[in-house]
Amino acid sequence: MLSRLETIRTQLRKSERRVADLILARPNAALNLSIAALAKQAGVSQPTVVRFCRALGFNGYKDFKLRLAQNLAAGVPSTHVDVQPDDPTAELAVKIFDRAIATLVRARTQIDPEALERAIDILAVASRIEFYGLGNSGIVAEYAQQKFFHLSVQTVAYTDPHMHGMAATMLHSGDTVVAISNTGKTIDLLRSVELAREAGADVVGVAPSGSLLAKLCTVTLFADEVEDGDVYSPATLRLAHLSIIDTLAAGVALKRGPALLEQMERTKRCLREKHVRGFE
């Protein structure tokens, strides 16, 4: 629930954002506050707190607190605290790891099972799969190409905008592009996706919900990046993208059946033969 609150925070009214910020900063403390105390600490009225709860889909403050308690009891960090310049070294691992876990939990809750199944169906019958990405997303594209290379399908990753632009024009019906983007609004990637669709290829997007890229794709798996100014932490959205790629690859392997699994096992045996022997 906190991950969803973090995602939609900017869509709330200014007064409701004060309530959101207070809860995100001190969720455990907020759990023990009455509606009057929470309103006072946030500097808003009690009706604003009620509107805030309803904006998140709850019937009221009591319903919201119950879900918050369940969320916190799960023991999984649902949000993160930014790294600060004066943080002791012991705090760094906690903050970095909690941030990564929160990102993965948020991405997991965003997965639409129907969209995931459709994406797997498209990829499972594709005669060729091309992965497009730029910058951090280019790293994910290269990882995806290596992952799908083992699934007995022609694959290639393009991280240069000129290359994937030209490649997109040479695709055909039955080919599939996987377009990966943190923002979903990079002009070069959008144009390449348009060209791929015009050529008759399907496009599976890994992008933010409501983005321009999501609207251009045949099907999109959403991964939203929370607005964040923490310059000390890595781009954890990449972890969500990698997990989505792993999920797609596993789904395609299962969809293609026992013959592919036997081939993958032969590949593993080949790799094991290249390990140095005699060391435990």
C-alpha atoms as a PDB file:
ATOM      1  CA  MET A   1       0.000   0.000   0.000  1.00  0.00           C
ATOM      2  CA  LEU A   2       2.814   2.426   0.858  1.00  0.00           C
ATOM      3  CA  SER A   3       4.434   1.700  -2.493  1.00  0.00           C
ATOM      4  CA  ARG A   4       1.200   2.684  -4.243  1.00  0.00           C
ATOM      5  CA  LEU A   5       0.980   5.839  -2.131  1.00  0.00           C
ATOM      6  CA  GLU A   6       4.530   6.729  -3.120  1.00  0.00           C
ATOM      7  CA  THR A   7       3.655   6.242  -6.778  1.00  0.00           C
ATOM      8  CA  ILE A   8       0.472   8.356  -6.842  1.00  0.00           C
ATOM      9  CA  ARG A   9       1.652  11.028  -4.395  1.00  0.00           C
ATOM     10  CA  THR A  10       2.047  13.691  -7.091  1.00  0.00           C
ATOM     11  CA  GLN A  11      -1.531  13.103  -8.240  1.00  0.00           C
ATOM     12  CA  LEU A  12      -2.976  14.102  -4.869  1.00  0.00           C
ATOM     13  CA  ARG A  13      -4.095  17.569  -3.866  1.00  0.00           C
ATOM     14  CA  LYS A  14      -1.532  19.722  -2.107  1.00  0.00           C
ATOM     15  CA  SER A  15      -3.170  19.283   1.310  1.00  0.00           C
ATOM     16  CA  GLU A  16      -3.506  15.528   0.784  1.00  0.00           C
ATOM     17  CA  ARG A  17       0.194  15.327  -0.133  1.00  0.00           C
ATOM     18  CA  ARG A  18       1.007  16.635   3.345  1.00  0.00           C
ATOM     19  CA  VAL A  19      -0.782  13.635   4.811  1.00  0.00           C
ATOM     20  CA  ALA A  20       0.997  11.317   2.366  1.00  0.00           C
ATOM     21  CA  ASP A  21       4.418  12.772   3.204  1.00  0.00           C
ATOM     22  CA  LEU A  22       3.823  12.351   6.923  1.00  0.00           C
ATOM     23  CA  ILE A  23       2.794   8.712   6.531  1.00  0.00           C
ATOM     24  CA  LEU A  24       5.632   7.887   4.135  1.00  0.00           C
ATOM     25  CA  ALA A  25       8.178   9.468   6.473  1.00  0.00           C
ATOM     26  CA  ARG A  26       6.895   7.809   9.678  1.00  0.00           C
ATOM     27  CA  PRO A  27       4.481   4.978   8.850  1.00  0.00           C
ATOM     28  CA  ASN A  28       4.830   3.197  12.198  1.00  0.00           C
ATOM     29  CA  ALA A  29       4.234   6.389  14.142  1.00  0.00           C
ATOM     30  CA  ALA A  30       1.258   7.296  11.949  1.00  0.00           C
ATOM     31  CA  LEU A  31      -0.324   3.943  12.720  1.00  0.00           C
ATOM     32  CA  ASN A  32      -0.727   4.996  16.356  1.00  0.00           C
ATOM     33  CA  LEU A  33      -2.241   8.422  15.652  1.00  0.00           C
ATOM     34  CA  SER A  34      -5.919   9.276  15.854  1.00  0.00           C
ATOM     35  CA  ILE A  35      -7.396  11.084  12.880  1.00  0.00           C
ATOM     36  CA  ALA A  36      -7.295  14.324  14.869  1.00  0.00           C
ATOM     37  CA  ALA A  37      -3.624  13.857  15.810  1.00  0.00           C
ATOM     38  CA  LEU A  38      -2.657  12.932  12.262  1.00  0.00           C
ATOM     39  CA  ALA A  39      -4.466  15.975  10.864  1.00  0.00           C
ATOM     40  CA  LYS A  40      -2.746  18.242  13.387  1.00  0.00           C
ATOM     41  CA  GLN A  41       0.744  16.918  12.659  1.00  0.00           C
ATOM     42  CA  ALA A  42       0.186  17.193   8.908  1.00  0.00           C
ATOM     43  CA  GLY A  43      -1.256  20.702   9.262  1.00  0.00           C
ATOM     44  CA  VAL A  44      -4.552  19.836   7.584  1.00  0.00           C
ATOM     45  CA  SER A  45      -8.184  19.354   8.560  1.00  0.00           C
ATOM     46  CA  GLN A  46      -9.749  16.036   9.516  1.00  0.00           C
ATOM     47  CA  PRO A  47     -11.960  16.032   6.380  1.00  0.00           C
ATOM     48  CA  THR A  48      -8.744  16.296   4.336  1.00  0.00           C
ATOM     49  CA  VAL A  49      -7.478  13.108   5.987  1.00  0.00           C
ATOM     50  CA  VAL A  50     -10.745  11.377   5.073  1.00  0.00           C
ATOM     51  CA  ARG A  51     -10.471  12.596   1.456  1.00  0.00           C
ATOM     52  CA  PHE A  52      -6.884  11.337   1.386  1.00  0.00           C
ATOM     53  CA  CYS A  53      -8.013   7.869   2.491  1.00  0.00           C
ATOM     54  CA  ARG A  54     -10.764   7.786  -0.112  1.00  0.00           C
ATOM     55  CA  ALA A  55      -8.337   8.924  -2.825  1.00  0.00           C
ATOM     56  CA  LEU A  56      -6.416   5.717  -2.096  1.00  0.00           C
ATOM     57  CA  GLY A  57      -9.574   3.646  -2.396  1.00  0.00           C
ATOM     58  CA  PHE A  58     -10.420   3.184   1.292  1.00  0.00           C
ATOM     59  CA  ASN A  59     -13.792   3.777   2.927  1.00  0.00           C
ATOM     60  CA  GLY A  60     -12.282   5.932   5.625  1.00  0.00           C
ATOM     61  CA  TYR A  61      -9.474   6.403   8.129  1.00  0.00           C
ATOM     62  CA  LYS A  62     -10.212   3.181  10.044  1.00  0.00           C
ATOM     63  CA  ASP A  63     -10.066   1.120   6.875  1.00  0.00           C
ATOM     64  CA  PHE A  64      -6.835   2.857   5.867  1.00  0.00           C
ATOM     65  CA  LYS A  65      -5.166   2.179   9.250  1.00  0.00           C
ATOM     66  CA  LEU A  66      -6.113  -1.491   9.092  1.00  0.00           C
ATOM     67  CA  ARG A  67      -4.445  -1.892   5.704  1.00  0.00           C
ATOM     68  CA  LEU A  68      -1.418   0.099   6.872  1.00  0.00           C
ATOM     69  CA  ALA A  69      -1.048  -2.212   9.871  1.00  0.00           C
ATOM     70  CA  GLN A  70      -1.198  -5.278   7.620  1.00  0.00           C
ATOM     71  CA  ASN A  71       1.372  -3.715   5.305  1.00  0.00           C
ATOM     72  CA  LEU A  72       3.809  -3.006   8.104  1.00  0.00           C
ATOM     73  CA  ALA A  73       3.264  -6.390   9.746  1.00  0.00           C
ATOM     74  CA  ALA A  74       4.473  -8.117   6.582  1.00  0.00           C
ATOM     75  CA  GLY A  75       7.958  -6.895   7.455  1.00  0.00           C
ATOM     76  CA  VAL A  76       8.840  -5.912   3.871  1.00  0.00           C
ATOM     77  CA  PRO A  77       9.930  -2.299   3.323  1.00  0.00           C
ATOM     78  CA  SER A  78       7.312  -0.660   1.123  1.00  0.00           C
ATOM     79  CA  THR A  79       9.158   2.603   0.697  1.00  0.00           C
ATOM     80  CA  HIS A  80      12.661   3.907   1.161  1.00  0.00           C
ATOM     81  CA  VAL A  81      14.557   6.644   2.959  1.00  0.00           C
ATOM     82  CA  ASP A  82      17.094   8.588   0.914  1.00  0.00           C
ATOM     83  CA  VAL A  83      20.800   8.290   1.632  1.00  0.00           C
ATOM     84  CA  GLN A  84      22.097  11.429   3.338  1.00  0.00           C
ATOM     85  CA  PRO A  85      25.662  12.831   3.177  1.00  0.00           C
ATOM     86  CA  ASP A  86      26.130  12.407   6.939  1.00  0.00           C
ATOM     87  CA  ASP A  87      24.789   8.838   7.142  1.00  0.00           C
ATOM     88  CA  PRO A  88      27.068   6.406   9.026  1.00  0.00           C
ATOM     89  CA  THR A  89      28.460   3.583   6.924  1.00  0.00           C
ATOM     90  CA  ALA A  90      26.323   1.042   8.770  1.00  0.00           C
ATOM     91  CA  GLU A  91      23.184   2.790   7.473  1.00  0.00           C
ATOM     92  CA  LEU A  92      24.130   2.626   3.797  1.00  0.00           C
ATOM     93  CA  ALA A  93      23.499  -1.078   3.231  1.00  0.00           C
ATOM     94  CA  VAL A  94      20.168  -0.904   5.044  1.00  0.00           C
ATOM     95  CA  LYS A  95      18.938   2.027   2.970  1.00  0.00           C
ATOM     96  CA  ILE A  96      20.229   0.726  -0.361  1.00  0.00           C
ATOM     97  CA  PHE A  97      18.839  -2.781   0.156  1.00  0.00           C
ATOM     98  CA  ASP A  98      15.508  -1.514   1.492  1.00  0.00           C
ATOM     99  CA  ARG A  99      15.212   0.738  -1.520  1.00  0.00           C
ATOM    100  CA  ALA A 100      15.830  -2.186  -3.864  1.00  0.00           C
ATOM    101  CA  ILE A 101      13.299  -4.382  -2.047  1.00  0.00           C
ATOM    102  CA  ALA A 102      10.699  -1.620  -2.106  1.00  0.00           C
ATOM    103  CA  THR A 103      11.189  -1.176  -5.848  1.00  0.00           C
ATOM    104  CA  LEU A 104      10.717  -4.889  -6.504  1.00  0.00           C
ATOM    105  CA  VAL A 105       7.620  -5.105  -4.297  1.00  0.00           C
ATOM    106  CA  ARG A 106       6.102  -2.101  -6.071  1.00  0.00           C
ATOM    107  CA  ALA A 107       6.805  -3.625  -9.485  1.00  0.00           C
ATOM    108  CA  ARG A 108       5.372  -6.983  -8.436  1.00  0.00           C
ATOM    109  CA  THR A 109       2.086  -5.408  -7.382  1.00  0.00           C
ATOM    110  CA  GLN A 110       1.865  -3.595 -10.733  1.00  0.00           C
ATOM    111  CA  ILE A 111       2.071  -6.743 -12.857  1.00  0.00           C
ATOM    112  CA  ASP A 112      -1.185  -7.326 -14.727  1.00  0.00           C
ATOM    113  CA  PRO A 113      -1.571 -11.128 -15.129  1.00  0.00           C
ATOM    114  CA  GLU A 114      -3.516 -10.748 -18.386  1.00  0.00           C
ATOM    115  CA  ALA A 115      -0.889  -8.425 -19.883  1.00  0.00           C
ATOM    116  CA  LEU A 116       1.873 -10.767 -18.736  1.00  0.00           C
ATOM    117  CA  GLU A 117       0.178 -13.775 -20.323  1.00  0.00           C
ATOM    118  CA  ARG A 118      -0.366 -11.907 -23.581  1.00  0.00           C
ATOM    119  CA  ALA A 119       3.273 -10.782 -23.684  1.00  0.00           C
ATOM    120  CA  ILE A 120       4.452 -14.358 -23.092  1.00  0.00           C
ATOM    121  CA  ASP A 121       2.151 -15.658 -25.837  1.00  0.00           C
ATOM    122  CA  ILE A 122       3.554 -13.101 -28.299  1.00  0.00           C
ATOM    123  CA  LEU A 123       7.176 -13.850 -27.438  1.00  0.00           C
ATOM    124  CA  ALA A 124       6.667 -17.638 -27.457  1.00  0.00           C
ATOM    125  CA  VAL A 125       5.730 -17.658 -31.153  1.00  0.00           C
ATOM    126  CA  ALA A 126       8.038 -14.874 -32.339  1.00  0.00           C
ATOM    127  CA  SER A 127      10.396 -15.808 -35.152  1.00  0.00           C
ATOM    128  CA  ARG A 128      12.794 -13.040 -34.097  1.00  0.00           C
ATOM    129  CA  ILE A 129      13.009 -10.906 -30.960  1.00  0.00           C
ATOM    130  CA  GLU A 130      14.821  -7.567 -30.850  1.00  0.00           C
ATOM    131  CA  PHE A 131      15.444  -5.700 -27.598  1.00  0.00           C
ATOM    132  CA  TYR A 132      15.653  -1.893 -27.685  1.00  0.00           C
ATOM    133  CA  GLY A 133      16.877   0.335 -24.861  1.00  0.00           C
ATOM    134  CA  LEU A 134      19.047   3.375 -24.188  1.00  0.00           C
ATOM    135  CA  GLY A 135      21.308   4.180 -21.243  1.00  0.00           C
ATOM    136  CA  ASN A 136      20.379   2.125 -18.176  1.00  0.00           C
ATOM    137  CA  SER A 137      17.627   0.483 -20.207  1.00  0.00           C
ATOM    138  CA  GLY A 138      20.238  -0.520 -22.772  1.00  0.00           C
ATOM    139  CA  ILE A 139      21.951  -2.601 -20.086  1.00  0.00           C
ATOM    140  CA  VAL A 140      18.650  -4.390 -19.475  1.00  0.00           C
ATOM    141  CA  ALA A 141      18.196  -4.920 -23.224  1.00  0.00           C
ATOM    142  CA  GLU A 142      21.602  -6.609 -23.469  1.00  0.00           C
ATOM    143  CA  TYR A 143      20.785  -8.802 -20.467  1.00  0.00           C
ATOM    144  CA  ALA A 144      17.458  -9.750 -22.063  1.00  0.00           C
ATOM    145  CA  GLN A 145      19.170 -10.738 -25.317  1.00  0.00           C
ATOM    146  CA  GLN A 146      21.464 -13.120 -23.427  1.00  0.00           C
ATOM    147  CA  LYS A 147      18.520 -14.525 -21.488  1.00  0.00           C
ATOM    148  CA  PHE A 148      16.377 -15.200 -24.555  1.00  0.00           C
ATOM    149  CA  PHE A 149      19.342 -16.445 -26.600  1.00  0.00           C
ATOM    150  CA  HIS A 150      19.029 -19.736 -24.663  1.00  0.00           C
ATOM    151  CA  LEU A 151      15.398 -20.126 -25.702  1.00  0.00           C
ATOM    152  CA  SER A 152      16.187 -21.163 -29.301  1.00  0.00           C
ATOM    153  CA  VAL A 153      15.015 -17.937 -30.919  1.00  0.00           C
ATOM    154  CA  GLN A 154      16.868 -15.358 -33.006  1.00  0.00           C
ATOM    155  CA  THR A 155      17.648 -12.437 -30.707  1.00  0.00           C
ATOM    156  CA  VAL A 156      19.570  -9.180 -30.869  1.00  0.00           C
ATOM    157  CA  ALA A 157      19.880  -6.150 -28.606  1.00  0.00           C
ATOM    158  CA  TYR A 158      20.274  -2.606 -29.919  1.00  0.00           C
ATOM    159  CA  THR A 159      21.301   0.198 -27.592  1.00  0.00           C
ATOM    160  CA  ASP A 160      22.176   2.733 -30.271  1.00  0.00           C
ATOM    161  CA  PRO A 161      19.171   4.780 -31.463  1.00  0.00           C
ATOM    162  CA  HIS A 162      20.341   4.840 -35.087  1.00  0.00           C
ATOM    163  CA  MET A 163      20.779   1.075 -35.114  1.00  0.00           C
ATOM    164  CA  HIS A 164      17.402   0.164 -33.633  1.00  0.00           C
ATOM    165  CA  GLY A 165      15.747   2.778 -35.836  1.00  0.00           C
ATOM    166  CA  MET A 166      17.123   1.130 -38.984  1.00  0.00           C
ATOM    167  CA  ALA A 167      16.533  -2.378 -37.644  1.00  0.00           C
ATOM    168  CA  ALA A 168      12.885  -1.596 -36.950  1.00  0.00           C
ATOM    169  CA  THR A 169      12.249  -0.851 -40.627  1.00  0.00           C
ATOM    170  CA  MET A 170      13.438  -4.338 -41.594  1.00  0.00           C
ATOM    171  CA  LEU A 171      11.101  -6.276 -39.320  1.00  0.00           C
ATOM    172  CA  HIS A 172       8.148  -8.340 -40.515  1.00  0.00           C
ATOM    173  CA  SER A 173       4.927  -9.790 -39.197  1.00  0.00           C
ATOM    174  CA  GLY A 174       5.863 -12.517 -36.709  1.00  0.00           C
ATOM    175  CA  ASP A 175       8.814 -10.543 -35.339  1.00  0.00           C
ATOM    176  CA  THR A 176       8.655  -8.944 -31.904  1.00  0.00           C
ATOM    177  CA  VAL A 177      10.388  -5.977 -30.287  1.00  0.00           C
ATOM    178  CA  VAL A 178      10.789  -5.620 -26.532  1.00  0.00           C
ATOM    179  CA  ALA A 179      11.136  -1.887 -25.822  1.00  0.00           C
ATOM    180  CA  ILE A 180      12.500  -0.992 -22.384  1.00  0.00           C
ATOM    181  CA  SER A 181      12.400   2.498 -20.893  1.00  0.00           C
ATOM    182  CA  ASN A 182      12.535   4.174 -17.478  1.00  0.00           C
ATOM    183  CA  THR A 183      10.505   7.167 -18.639  1.00  0.00           C
ATOM    184  CA  GLY A 184       8.584   5.955 -21.680  1.00  0.00           C
ATOM    185  CA  LYS A 185       9.130   9.254 -23.458  1.00  0.00           C
ATOM    186  CA  THR A 186      12.537   9.035 -25.154  1.00  0.00           C
ATOM    187  CA  ILE A 187      12.009  10.345 -28.681  1.00  0.00           C
ATOM    188  CA  ASP A 188      14.382   7.939 -30.457  1.00  0.00           C
ATOM    189  CA  LEU A 189      12.870   4.879 -28.807  1.00  0.00           C
ATOM    190  CA  LEU A 190       9.324   6.041 -29.510  1.00  0.00           C
ATOM    191  CA  ARG A 191      10.151   6.504 -33.189  1.00  0.00           C
ATOM    192  CA  SER A 192      11.741   3.054 -33.429  1.00  0.00           C
ATOM    193  CA  VAL A 193       8.645   1.489 -31.881  1.00  0.00           C
ATOM    194  CA  GLU A 194       6.445   3.334 -34.372  1.00  0.00           C
ATOM    195  CA  LEU A 195       8.584   2.003 -37.232  1.00  0.00           C
ATOM    196  CA  ALA A 196       8.420  -1.532 -35.851  1.00  0.00           C
ATOM    197  CA  ARG A 197       4.626  -1.410 -35.632  1.00  0.00           C
ATOM    198  CA  GLU A 198       4.396   0.008 -39.174  1.00  0.00           C
ATOM    199  CA  ALA A 199       6.542  -2.919 -40.369  1.00  0.00           C
ATOM    200  CA  GLY A 200       4.023  -5.365 -38.895  1.00  0.00           C
ATOM    201  CA  ALA A 201       5.937  -6.428 -35.768  1.00  0.00           C
ATOM    202  CA  ASP A 202       4.458  -6.715 -32.286  1.00  0.00           C
ATOM    203  CA  VAL A 203       5.994  -4.633 -29.504  1.00  0.00           C
ATOM    204  CA  VAL A 204       6.114  -5.660 -25.856  1.00  0.00           C
ATOM    205  CA  GLY A 205       6.803  -2.621 -23.692  1.00  0.00           C
ATOM    206  CA  VAL A 206       8.464  -2.463 -20.276  1.00  0.00           C
ATOM    207  CA  ALA A 207       7.666   1.103 -19.307  1.00  0.00           C
ATOM    208  CA  PRO A 208       5.779   3.395 -16.908  1.00  0.00           C
ATOM    209  CA  SER A 209       1.991   3.269 -16.894  1.00  0.00           C
ATOM    210  CA  GLY A 210       0.357   6.067 -18.856  1.00  0.00           C
ATOM    211  CA  SER A 211       3.540   6.799 -20.800  1.00  0.00           C
ATOM    212  CA  LEU A 212       3.737   7.523 -24.514  1.00  0.00           C
ATOM    213  CA  LEU A 213       5.646   4.291 -25.042  1.00  0.00           C
ATOM    214  CA  ALA A 214       2.952   2.255 -23.283  1.00  0.00           C
ATOM    215  CA  LYS A 215       0.349   3.645 -25.681  1.00  0.00           C
ATOM    216  CA  LEU A 216       2.356   2.626 -28.754  1.00  0.00           C
ATOM    217  CA  CYS A 217       3.032  -0.974 -27.729  1.00  0.00           C
ATOM    218  CA  THR A 218       0.983  -4.070 -28.473  1.00  0.00           C
ATOM    219  CA  VAL A 219       1.087  -4.849 -24.755  1.00  0.00           C
ATOM    220  CA  THR A 220       2.969  -3.195 -21.893  1.00  0.00           C
ATOM    221  CA  LEU A 221       4.193  -4.424 -18.524  1.00  0.00           C
ATOM    222  CA  PHE A 222       4.294  -1.448 -16.199  1.00  0.00           C
ATOM    223  CA  ALA A 223       7.153  -0.423 -13.946  1.00  0.00           C
ATOM    224  CA  ASP A 224       6.757   3.054 -12.479  1.00  0.00           C
ATOM    225  CA  GLU A 225       9.643   5.093 -11.156  1.00  0.00           C
ATOM    226  CA  VAL A 226       8.893   7.198  -8.098  1.00  0.00           C
ATOM    227  CA  GLU A 227       9.999  10.813  -8.416  1.00  0.00           C
ATOM    228  CA  ASP A 228      13.245  10.904  -6.478  1.00  0.00           C
ATOM    229  CA  GLY A 229      16.160  13.241  -5.952  1.00  0.00           C
ATOM    230  CA  ASP A 230      18.466  10.801  -4.181  1.00  0.00           C
ATOM    231  CA  VAL A 231      21.740  11.057  -6.112  1.00  0.00           C
ATOM    232  CA  TYR A 232      23.546   8.526  -3.913  1.00  0.00           C
ATOM    233  CA  SER A 233      21.395   5.492  -4.714  1.00  0.00           C
ATOM    234  CA  PRO A 234      21.565   3.390  -7.883  1.00  0.00           C
ATOM    235  CA  ALA A 235      18.824   3.245 -10.482  1.00  0.00           C
ATOM    236  CA  THR A 236      16.801   0.571  -8.711  1.00  0.00           C
ATOM    237  CA  LEU A 237      14.133   0.576 -11.416  1.00  0.00           C
ATOM    238  CA  ARG A 238      16.629  -1.472 -13.412  1.00  0.00           C
ATOM    239  CA  LEU A 239      16.121  -4.279 -10.883  1.00  0.00           C
ATOM    240  CA  ALA A 240      12.397  -4.259 -11.611  1.00  0.00           C
ATOM    241  CA  HIS A 241      13.058  -4.373 -15.354  1.00  0.00           C
ATOM    242  CA  LEU A 242      15.467  -7.289 -14.941  1.00  0.00           C
ATOM    243  CA  SER A 243      12.888  -9.187 -12.898  1.00  0.00           C
ATOM    244  CA  ILE A 244      10.240  -8.579 -15.554  1.00  0.00           C
ATOM    245  CA  ILE A 245      12.622  -9.916 -18.214  1.00  0.00           C
ATOM    246  CA  ASP A 246      13.314 -13.004 -16.084  1.00  0.00           C
ATOM    247  CA  THR A 247       9.572 -13.564 -15.697  1.00  0.00           C
ATOM    248  CA  LEU A 248       8.996 -13.283 -19.451  1.00  0.00           C
ATOM    249  CA  ALA A 249      11.873 -15.668 -20.195  1.00  0.00           C
ATOM    250  CA  ALA A 250      10.576 -18.243 -17.708  1.00  0.00           C
ATOM    251  CA  GLY A 251       7.082 -17.949 -19.163  1.00  0.00           C
ATOM    252  CA  VAL A 252       8.333 -18.431 -22.722  1.00  0.00           C
ATOM    253  CA  ALA A 253      10.431 -21.444 -21.711  1.00  0.00           C
ATOM    254  CA  LEU A 254       7.405 -23.098 -20.106  1.00  0.00           C
ATOM    255  CA  LYS A 255       5.194 -22.209 -23.059  1.00  0.00           C
ATOM    256  CA  ARG A 256       7.599 -23.790 -25.563  1.00  0.00           C
ATOM    257  CA  GLY A 257       7.461 -27.110 -23.729  1.00  0.00           C
ATOM    258  CA  PRO A 258       9.695 -30.081 -22.856  1.00  0.00           C
ATOM    259  CA  ALA A 259      11.810 -29.990 -26.029  1.00  0.00           C
ATOM    260  CA  LEU A 260      13.137 -26.543 -25.158  1.00  0.00           C
ATOM    261  CA  LEU A 261      13.750 -27.544 -21.546  1.00  0.00           C
ATOM    262  CA  GLU A 262      15.826 -30.500 -22.728  1.00  0.00           C
ATOM    263  CA  GLN A 263      17.856 -28.202 -24.948  1.00  0.00           C
ATOM    264  CA  MET A 264      18.427 -25.772 -22.066  1.00  0.00           C
ATOM    265  CA  GLU A 265      19.662 -28.644 -19.917  1.00  0.00           C
ATOM    266  CA  ARG A 266      22.146 -29.619 -22.650  1.00  0.00           C
ATOM    267  CA  THR A 267      23.387 -26.014 -22.684  1.00  0.00           C
ATOM    268  CA  LYS A 268      23.888 -26.097 -18.914  1.00  0.00           C
ATOM    269  CA  ARG A 269      25.861 -29.331 -19.198  1.00  0.00           C
ATOM    270  CA  CYS A 270      28.081 -27.710 -21.833  1.00  0.00           C
ATOM    271  CA  LEU A 271      28.770 -24.785 -19.517  1.00  0.00           C
ATOM    272  CA  ARG A 272      29.517 -27.067 -16.572  1.00  0.00           C
ATOM    273  CA  GLU A 273      32.136 -28.869 -18.675  1.00  0.00           C
ATOM    274  CA  LYS A 274      34.036 -25.606 -18.967  1.00  0.00           C
ATOM    275  CA  HIS A 275      34.419 -25.244 -15.187  1.00  0.00           C
ATOM    276  CA  VAL A 276      37.782 -25.944 -13.598  1.00  0.00           C
ATOM    277  CA  ARG A 277      37.718 -29.424 -12.066  1.00  0.00           C
ATOM    278  CA  GLY A 278      39.266 -30.593  -8.824  1.00  0.00           C
ATOM    279  CA  PHE A 279      38.301 -27.652  -6.624  1.00  0.00           C
ATOM    280  CA  GLU A 280      35.513 -27.760  -4.059  1.00  0.00           C
END
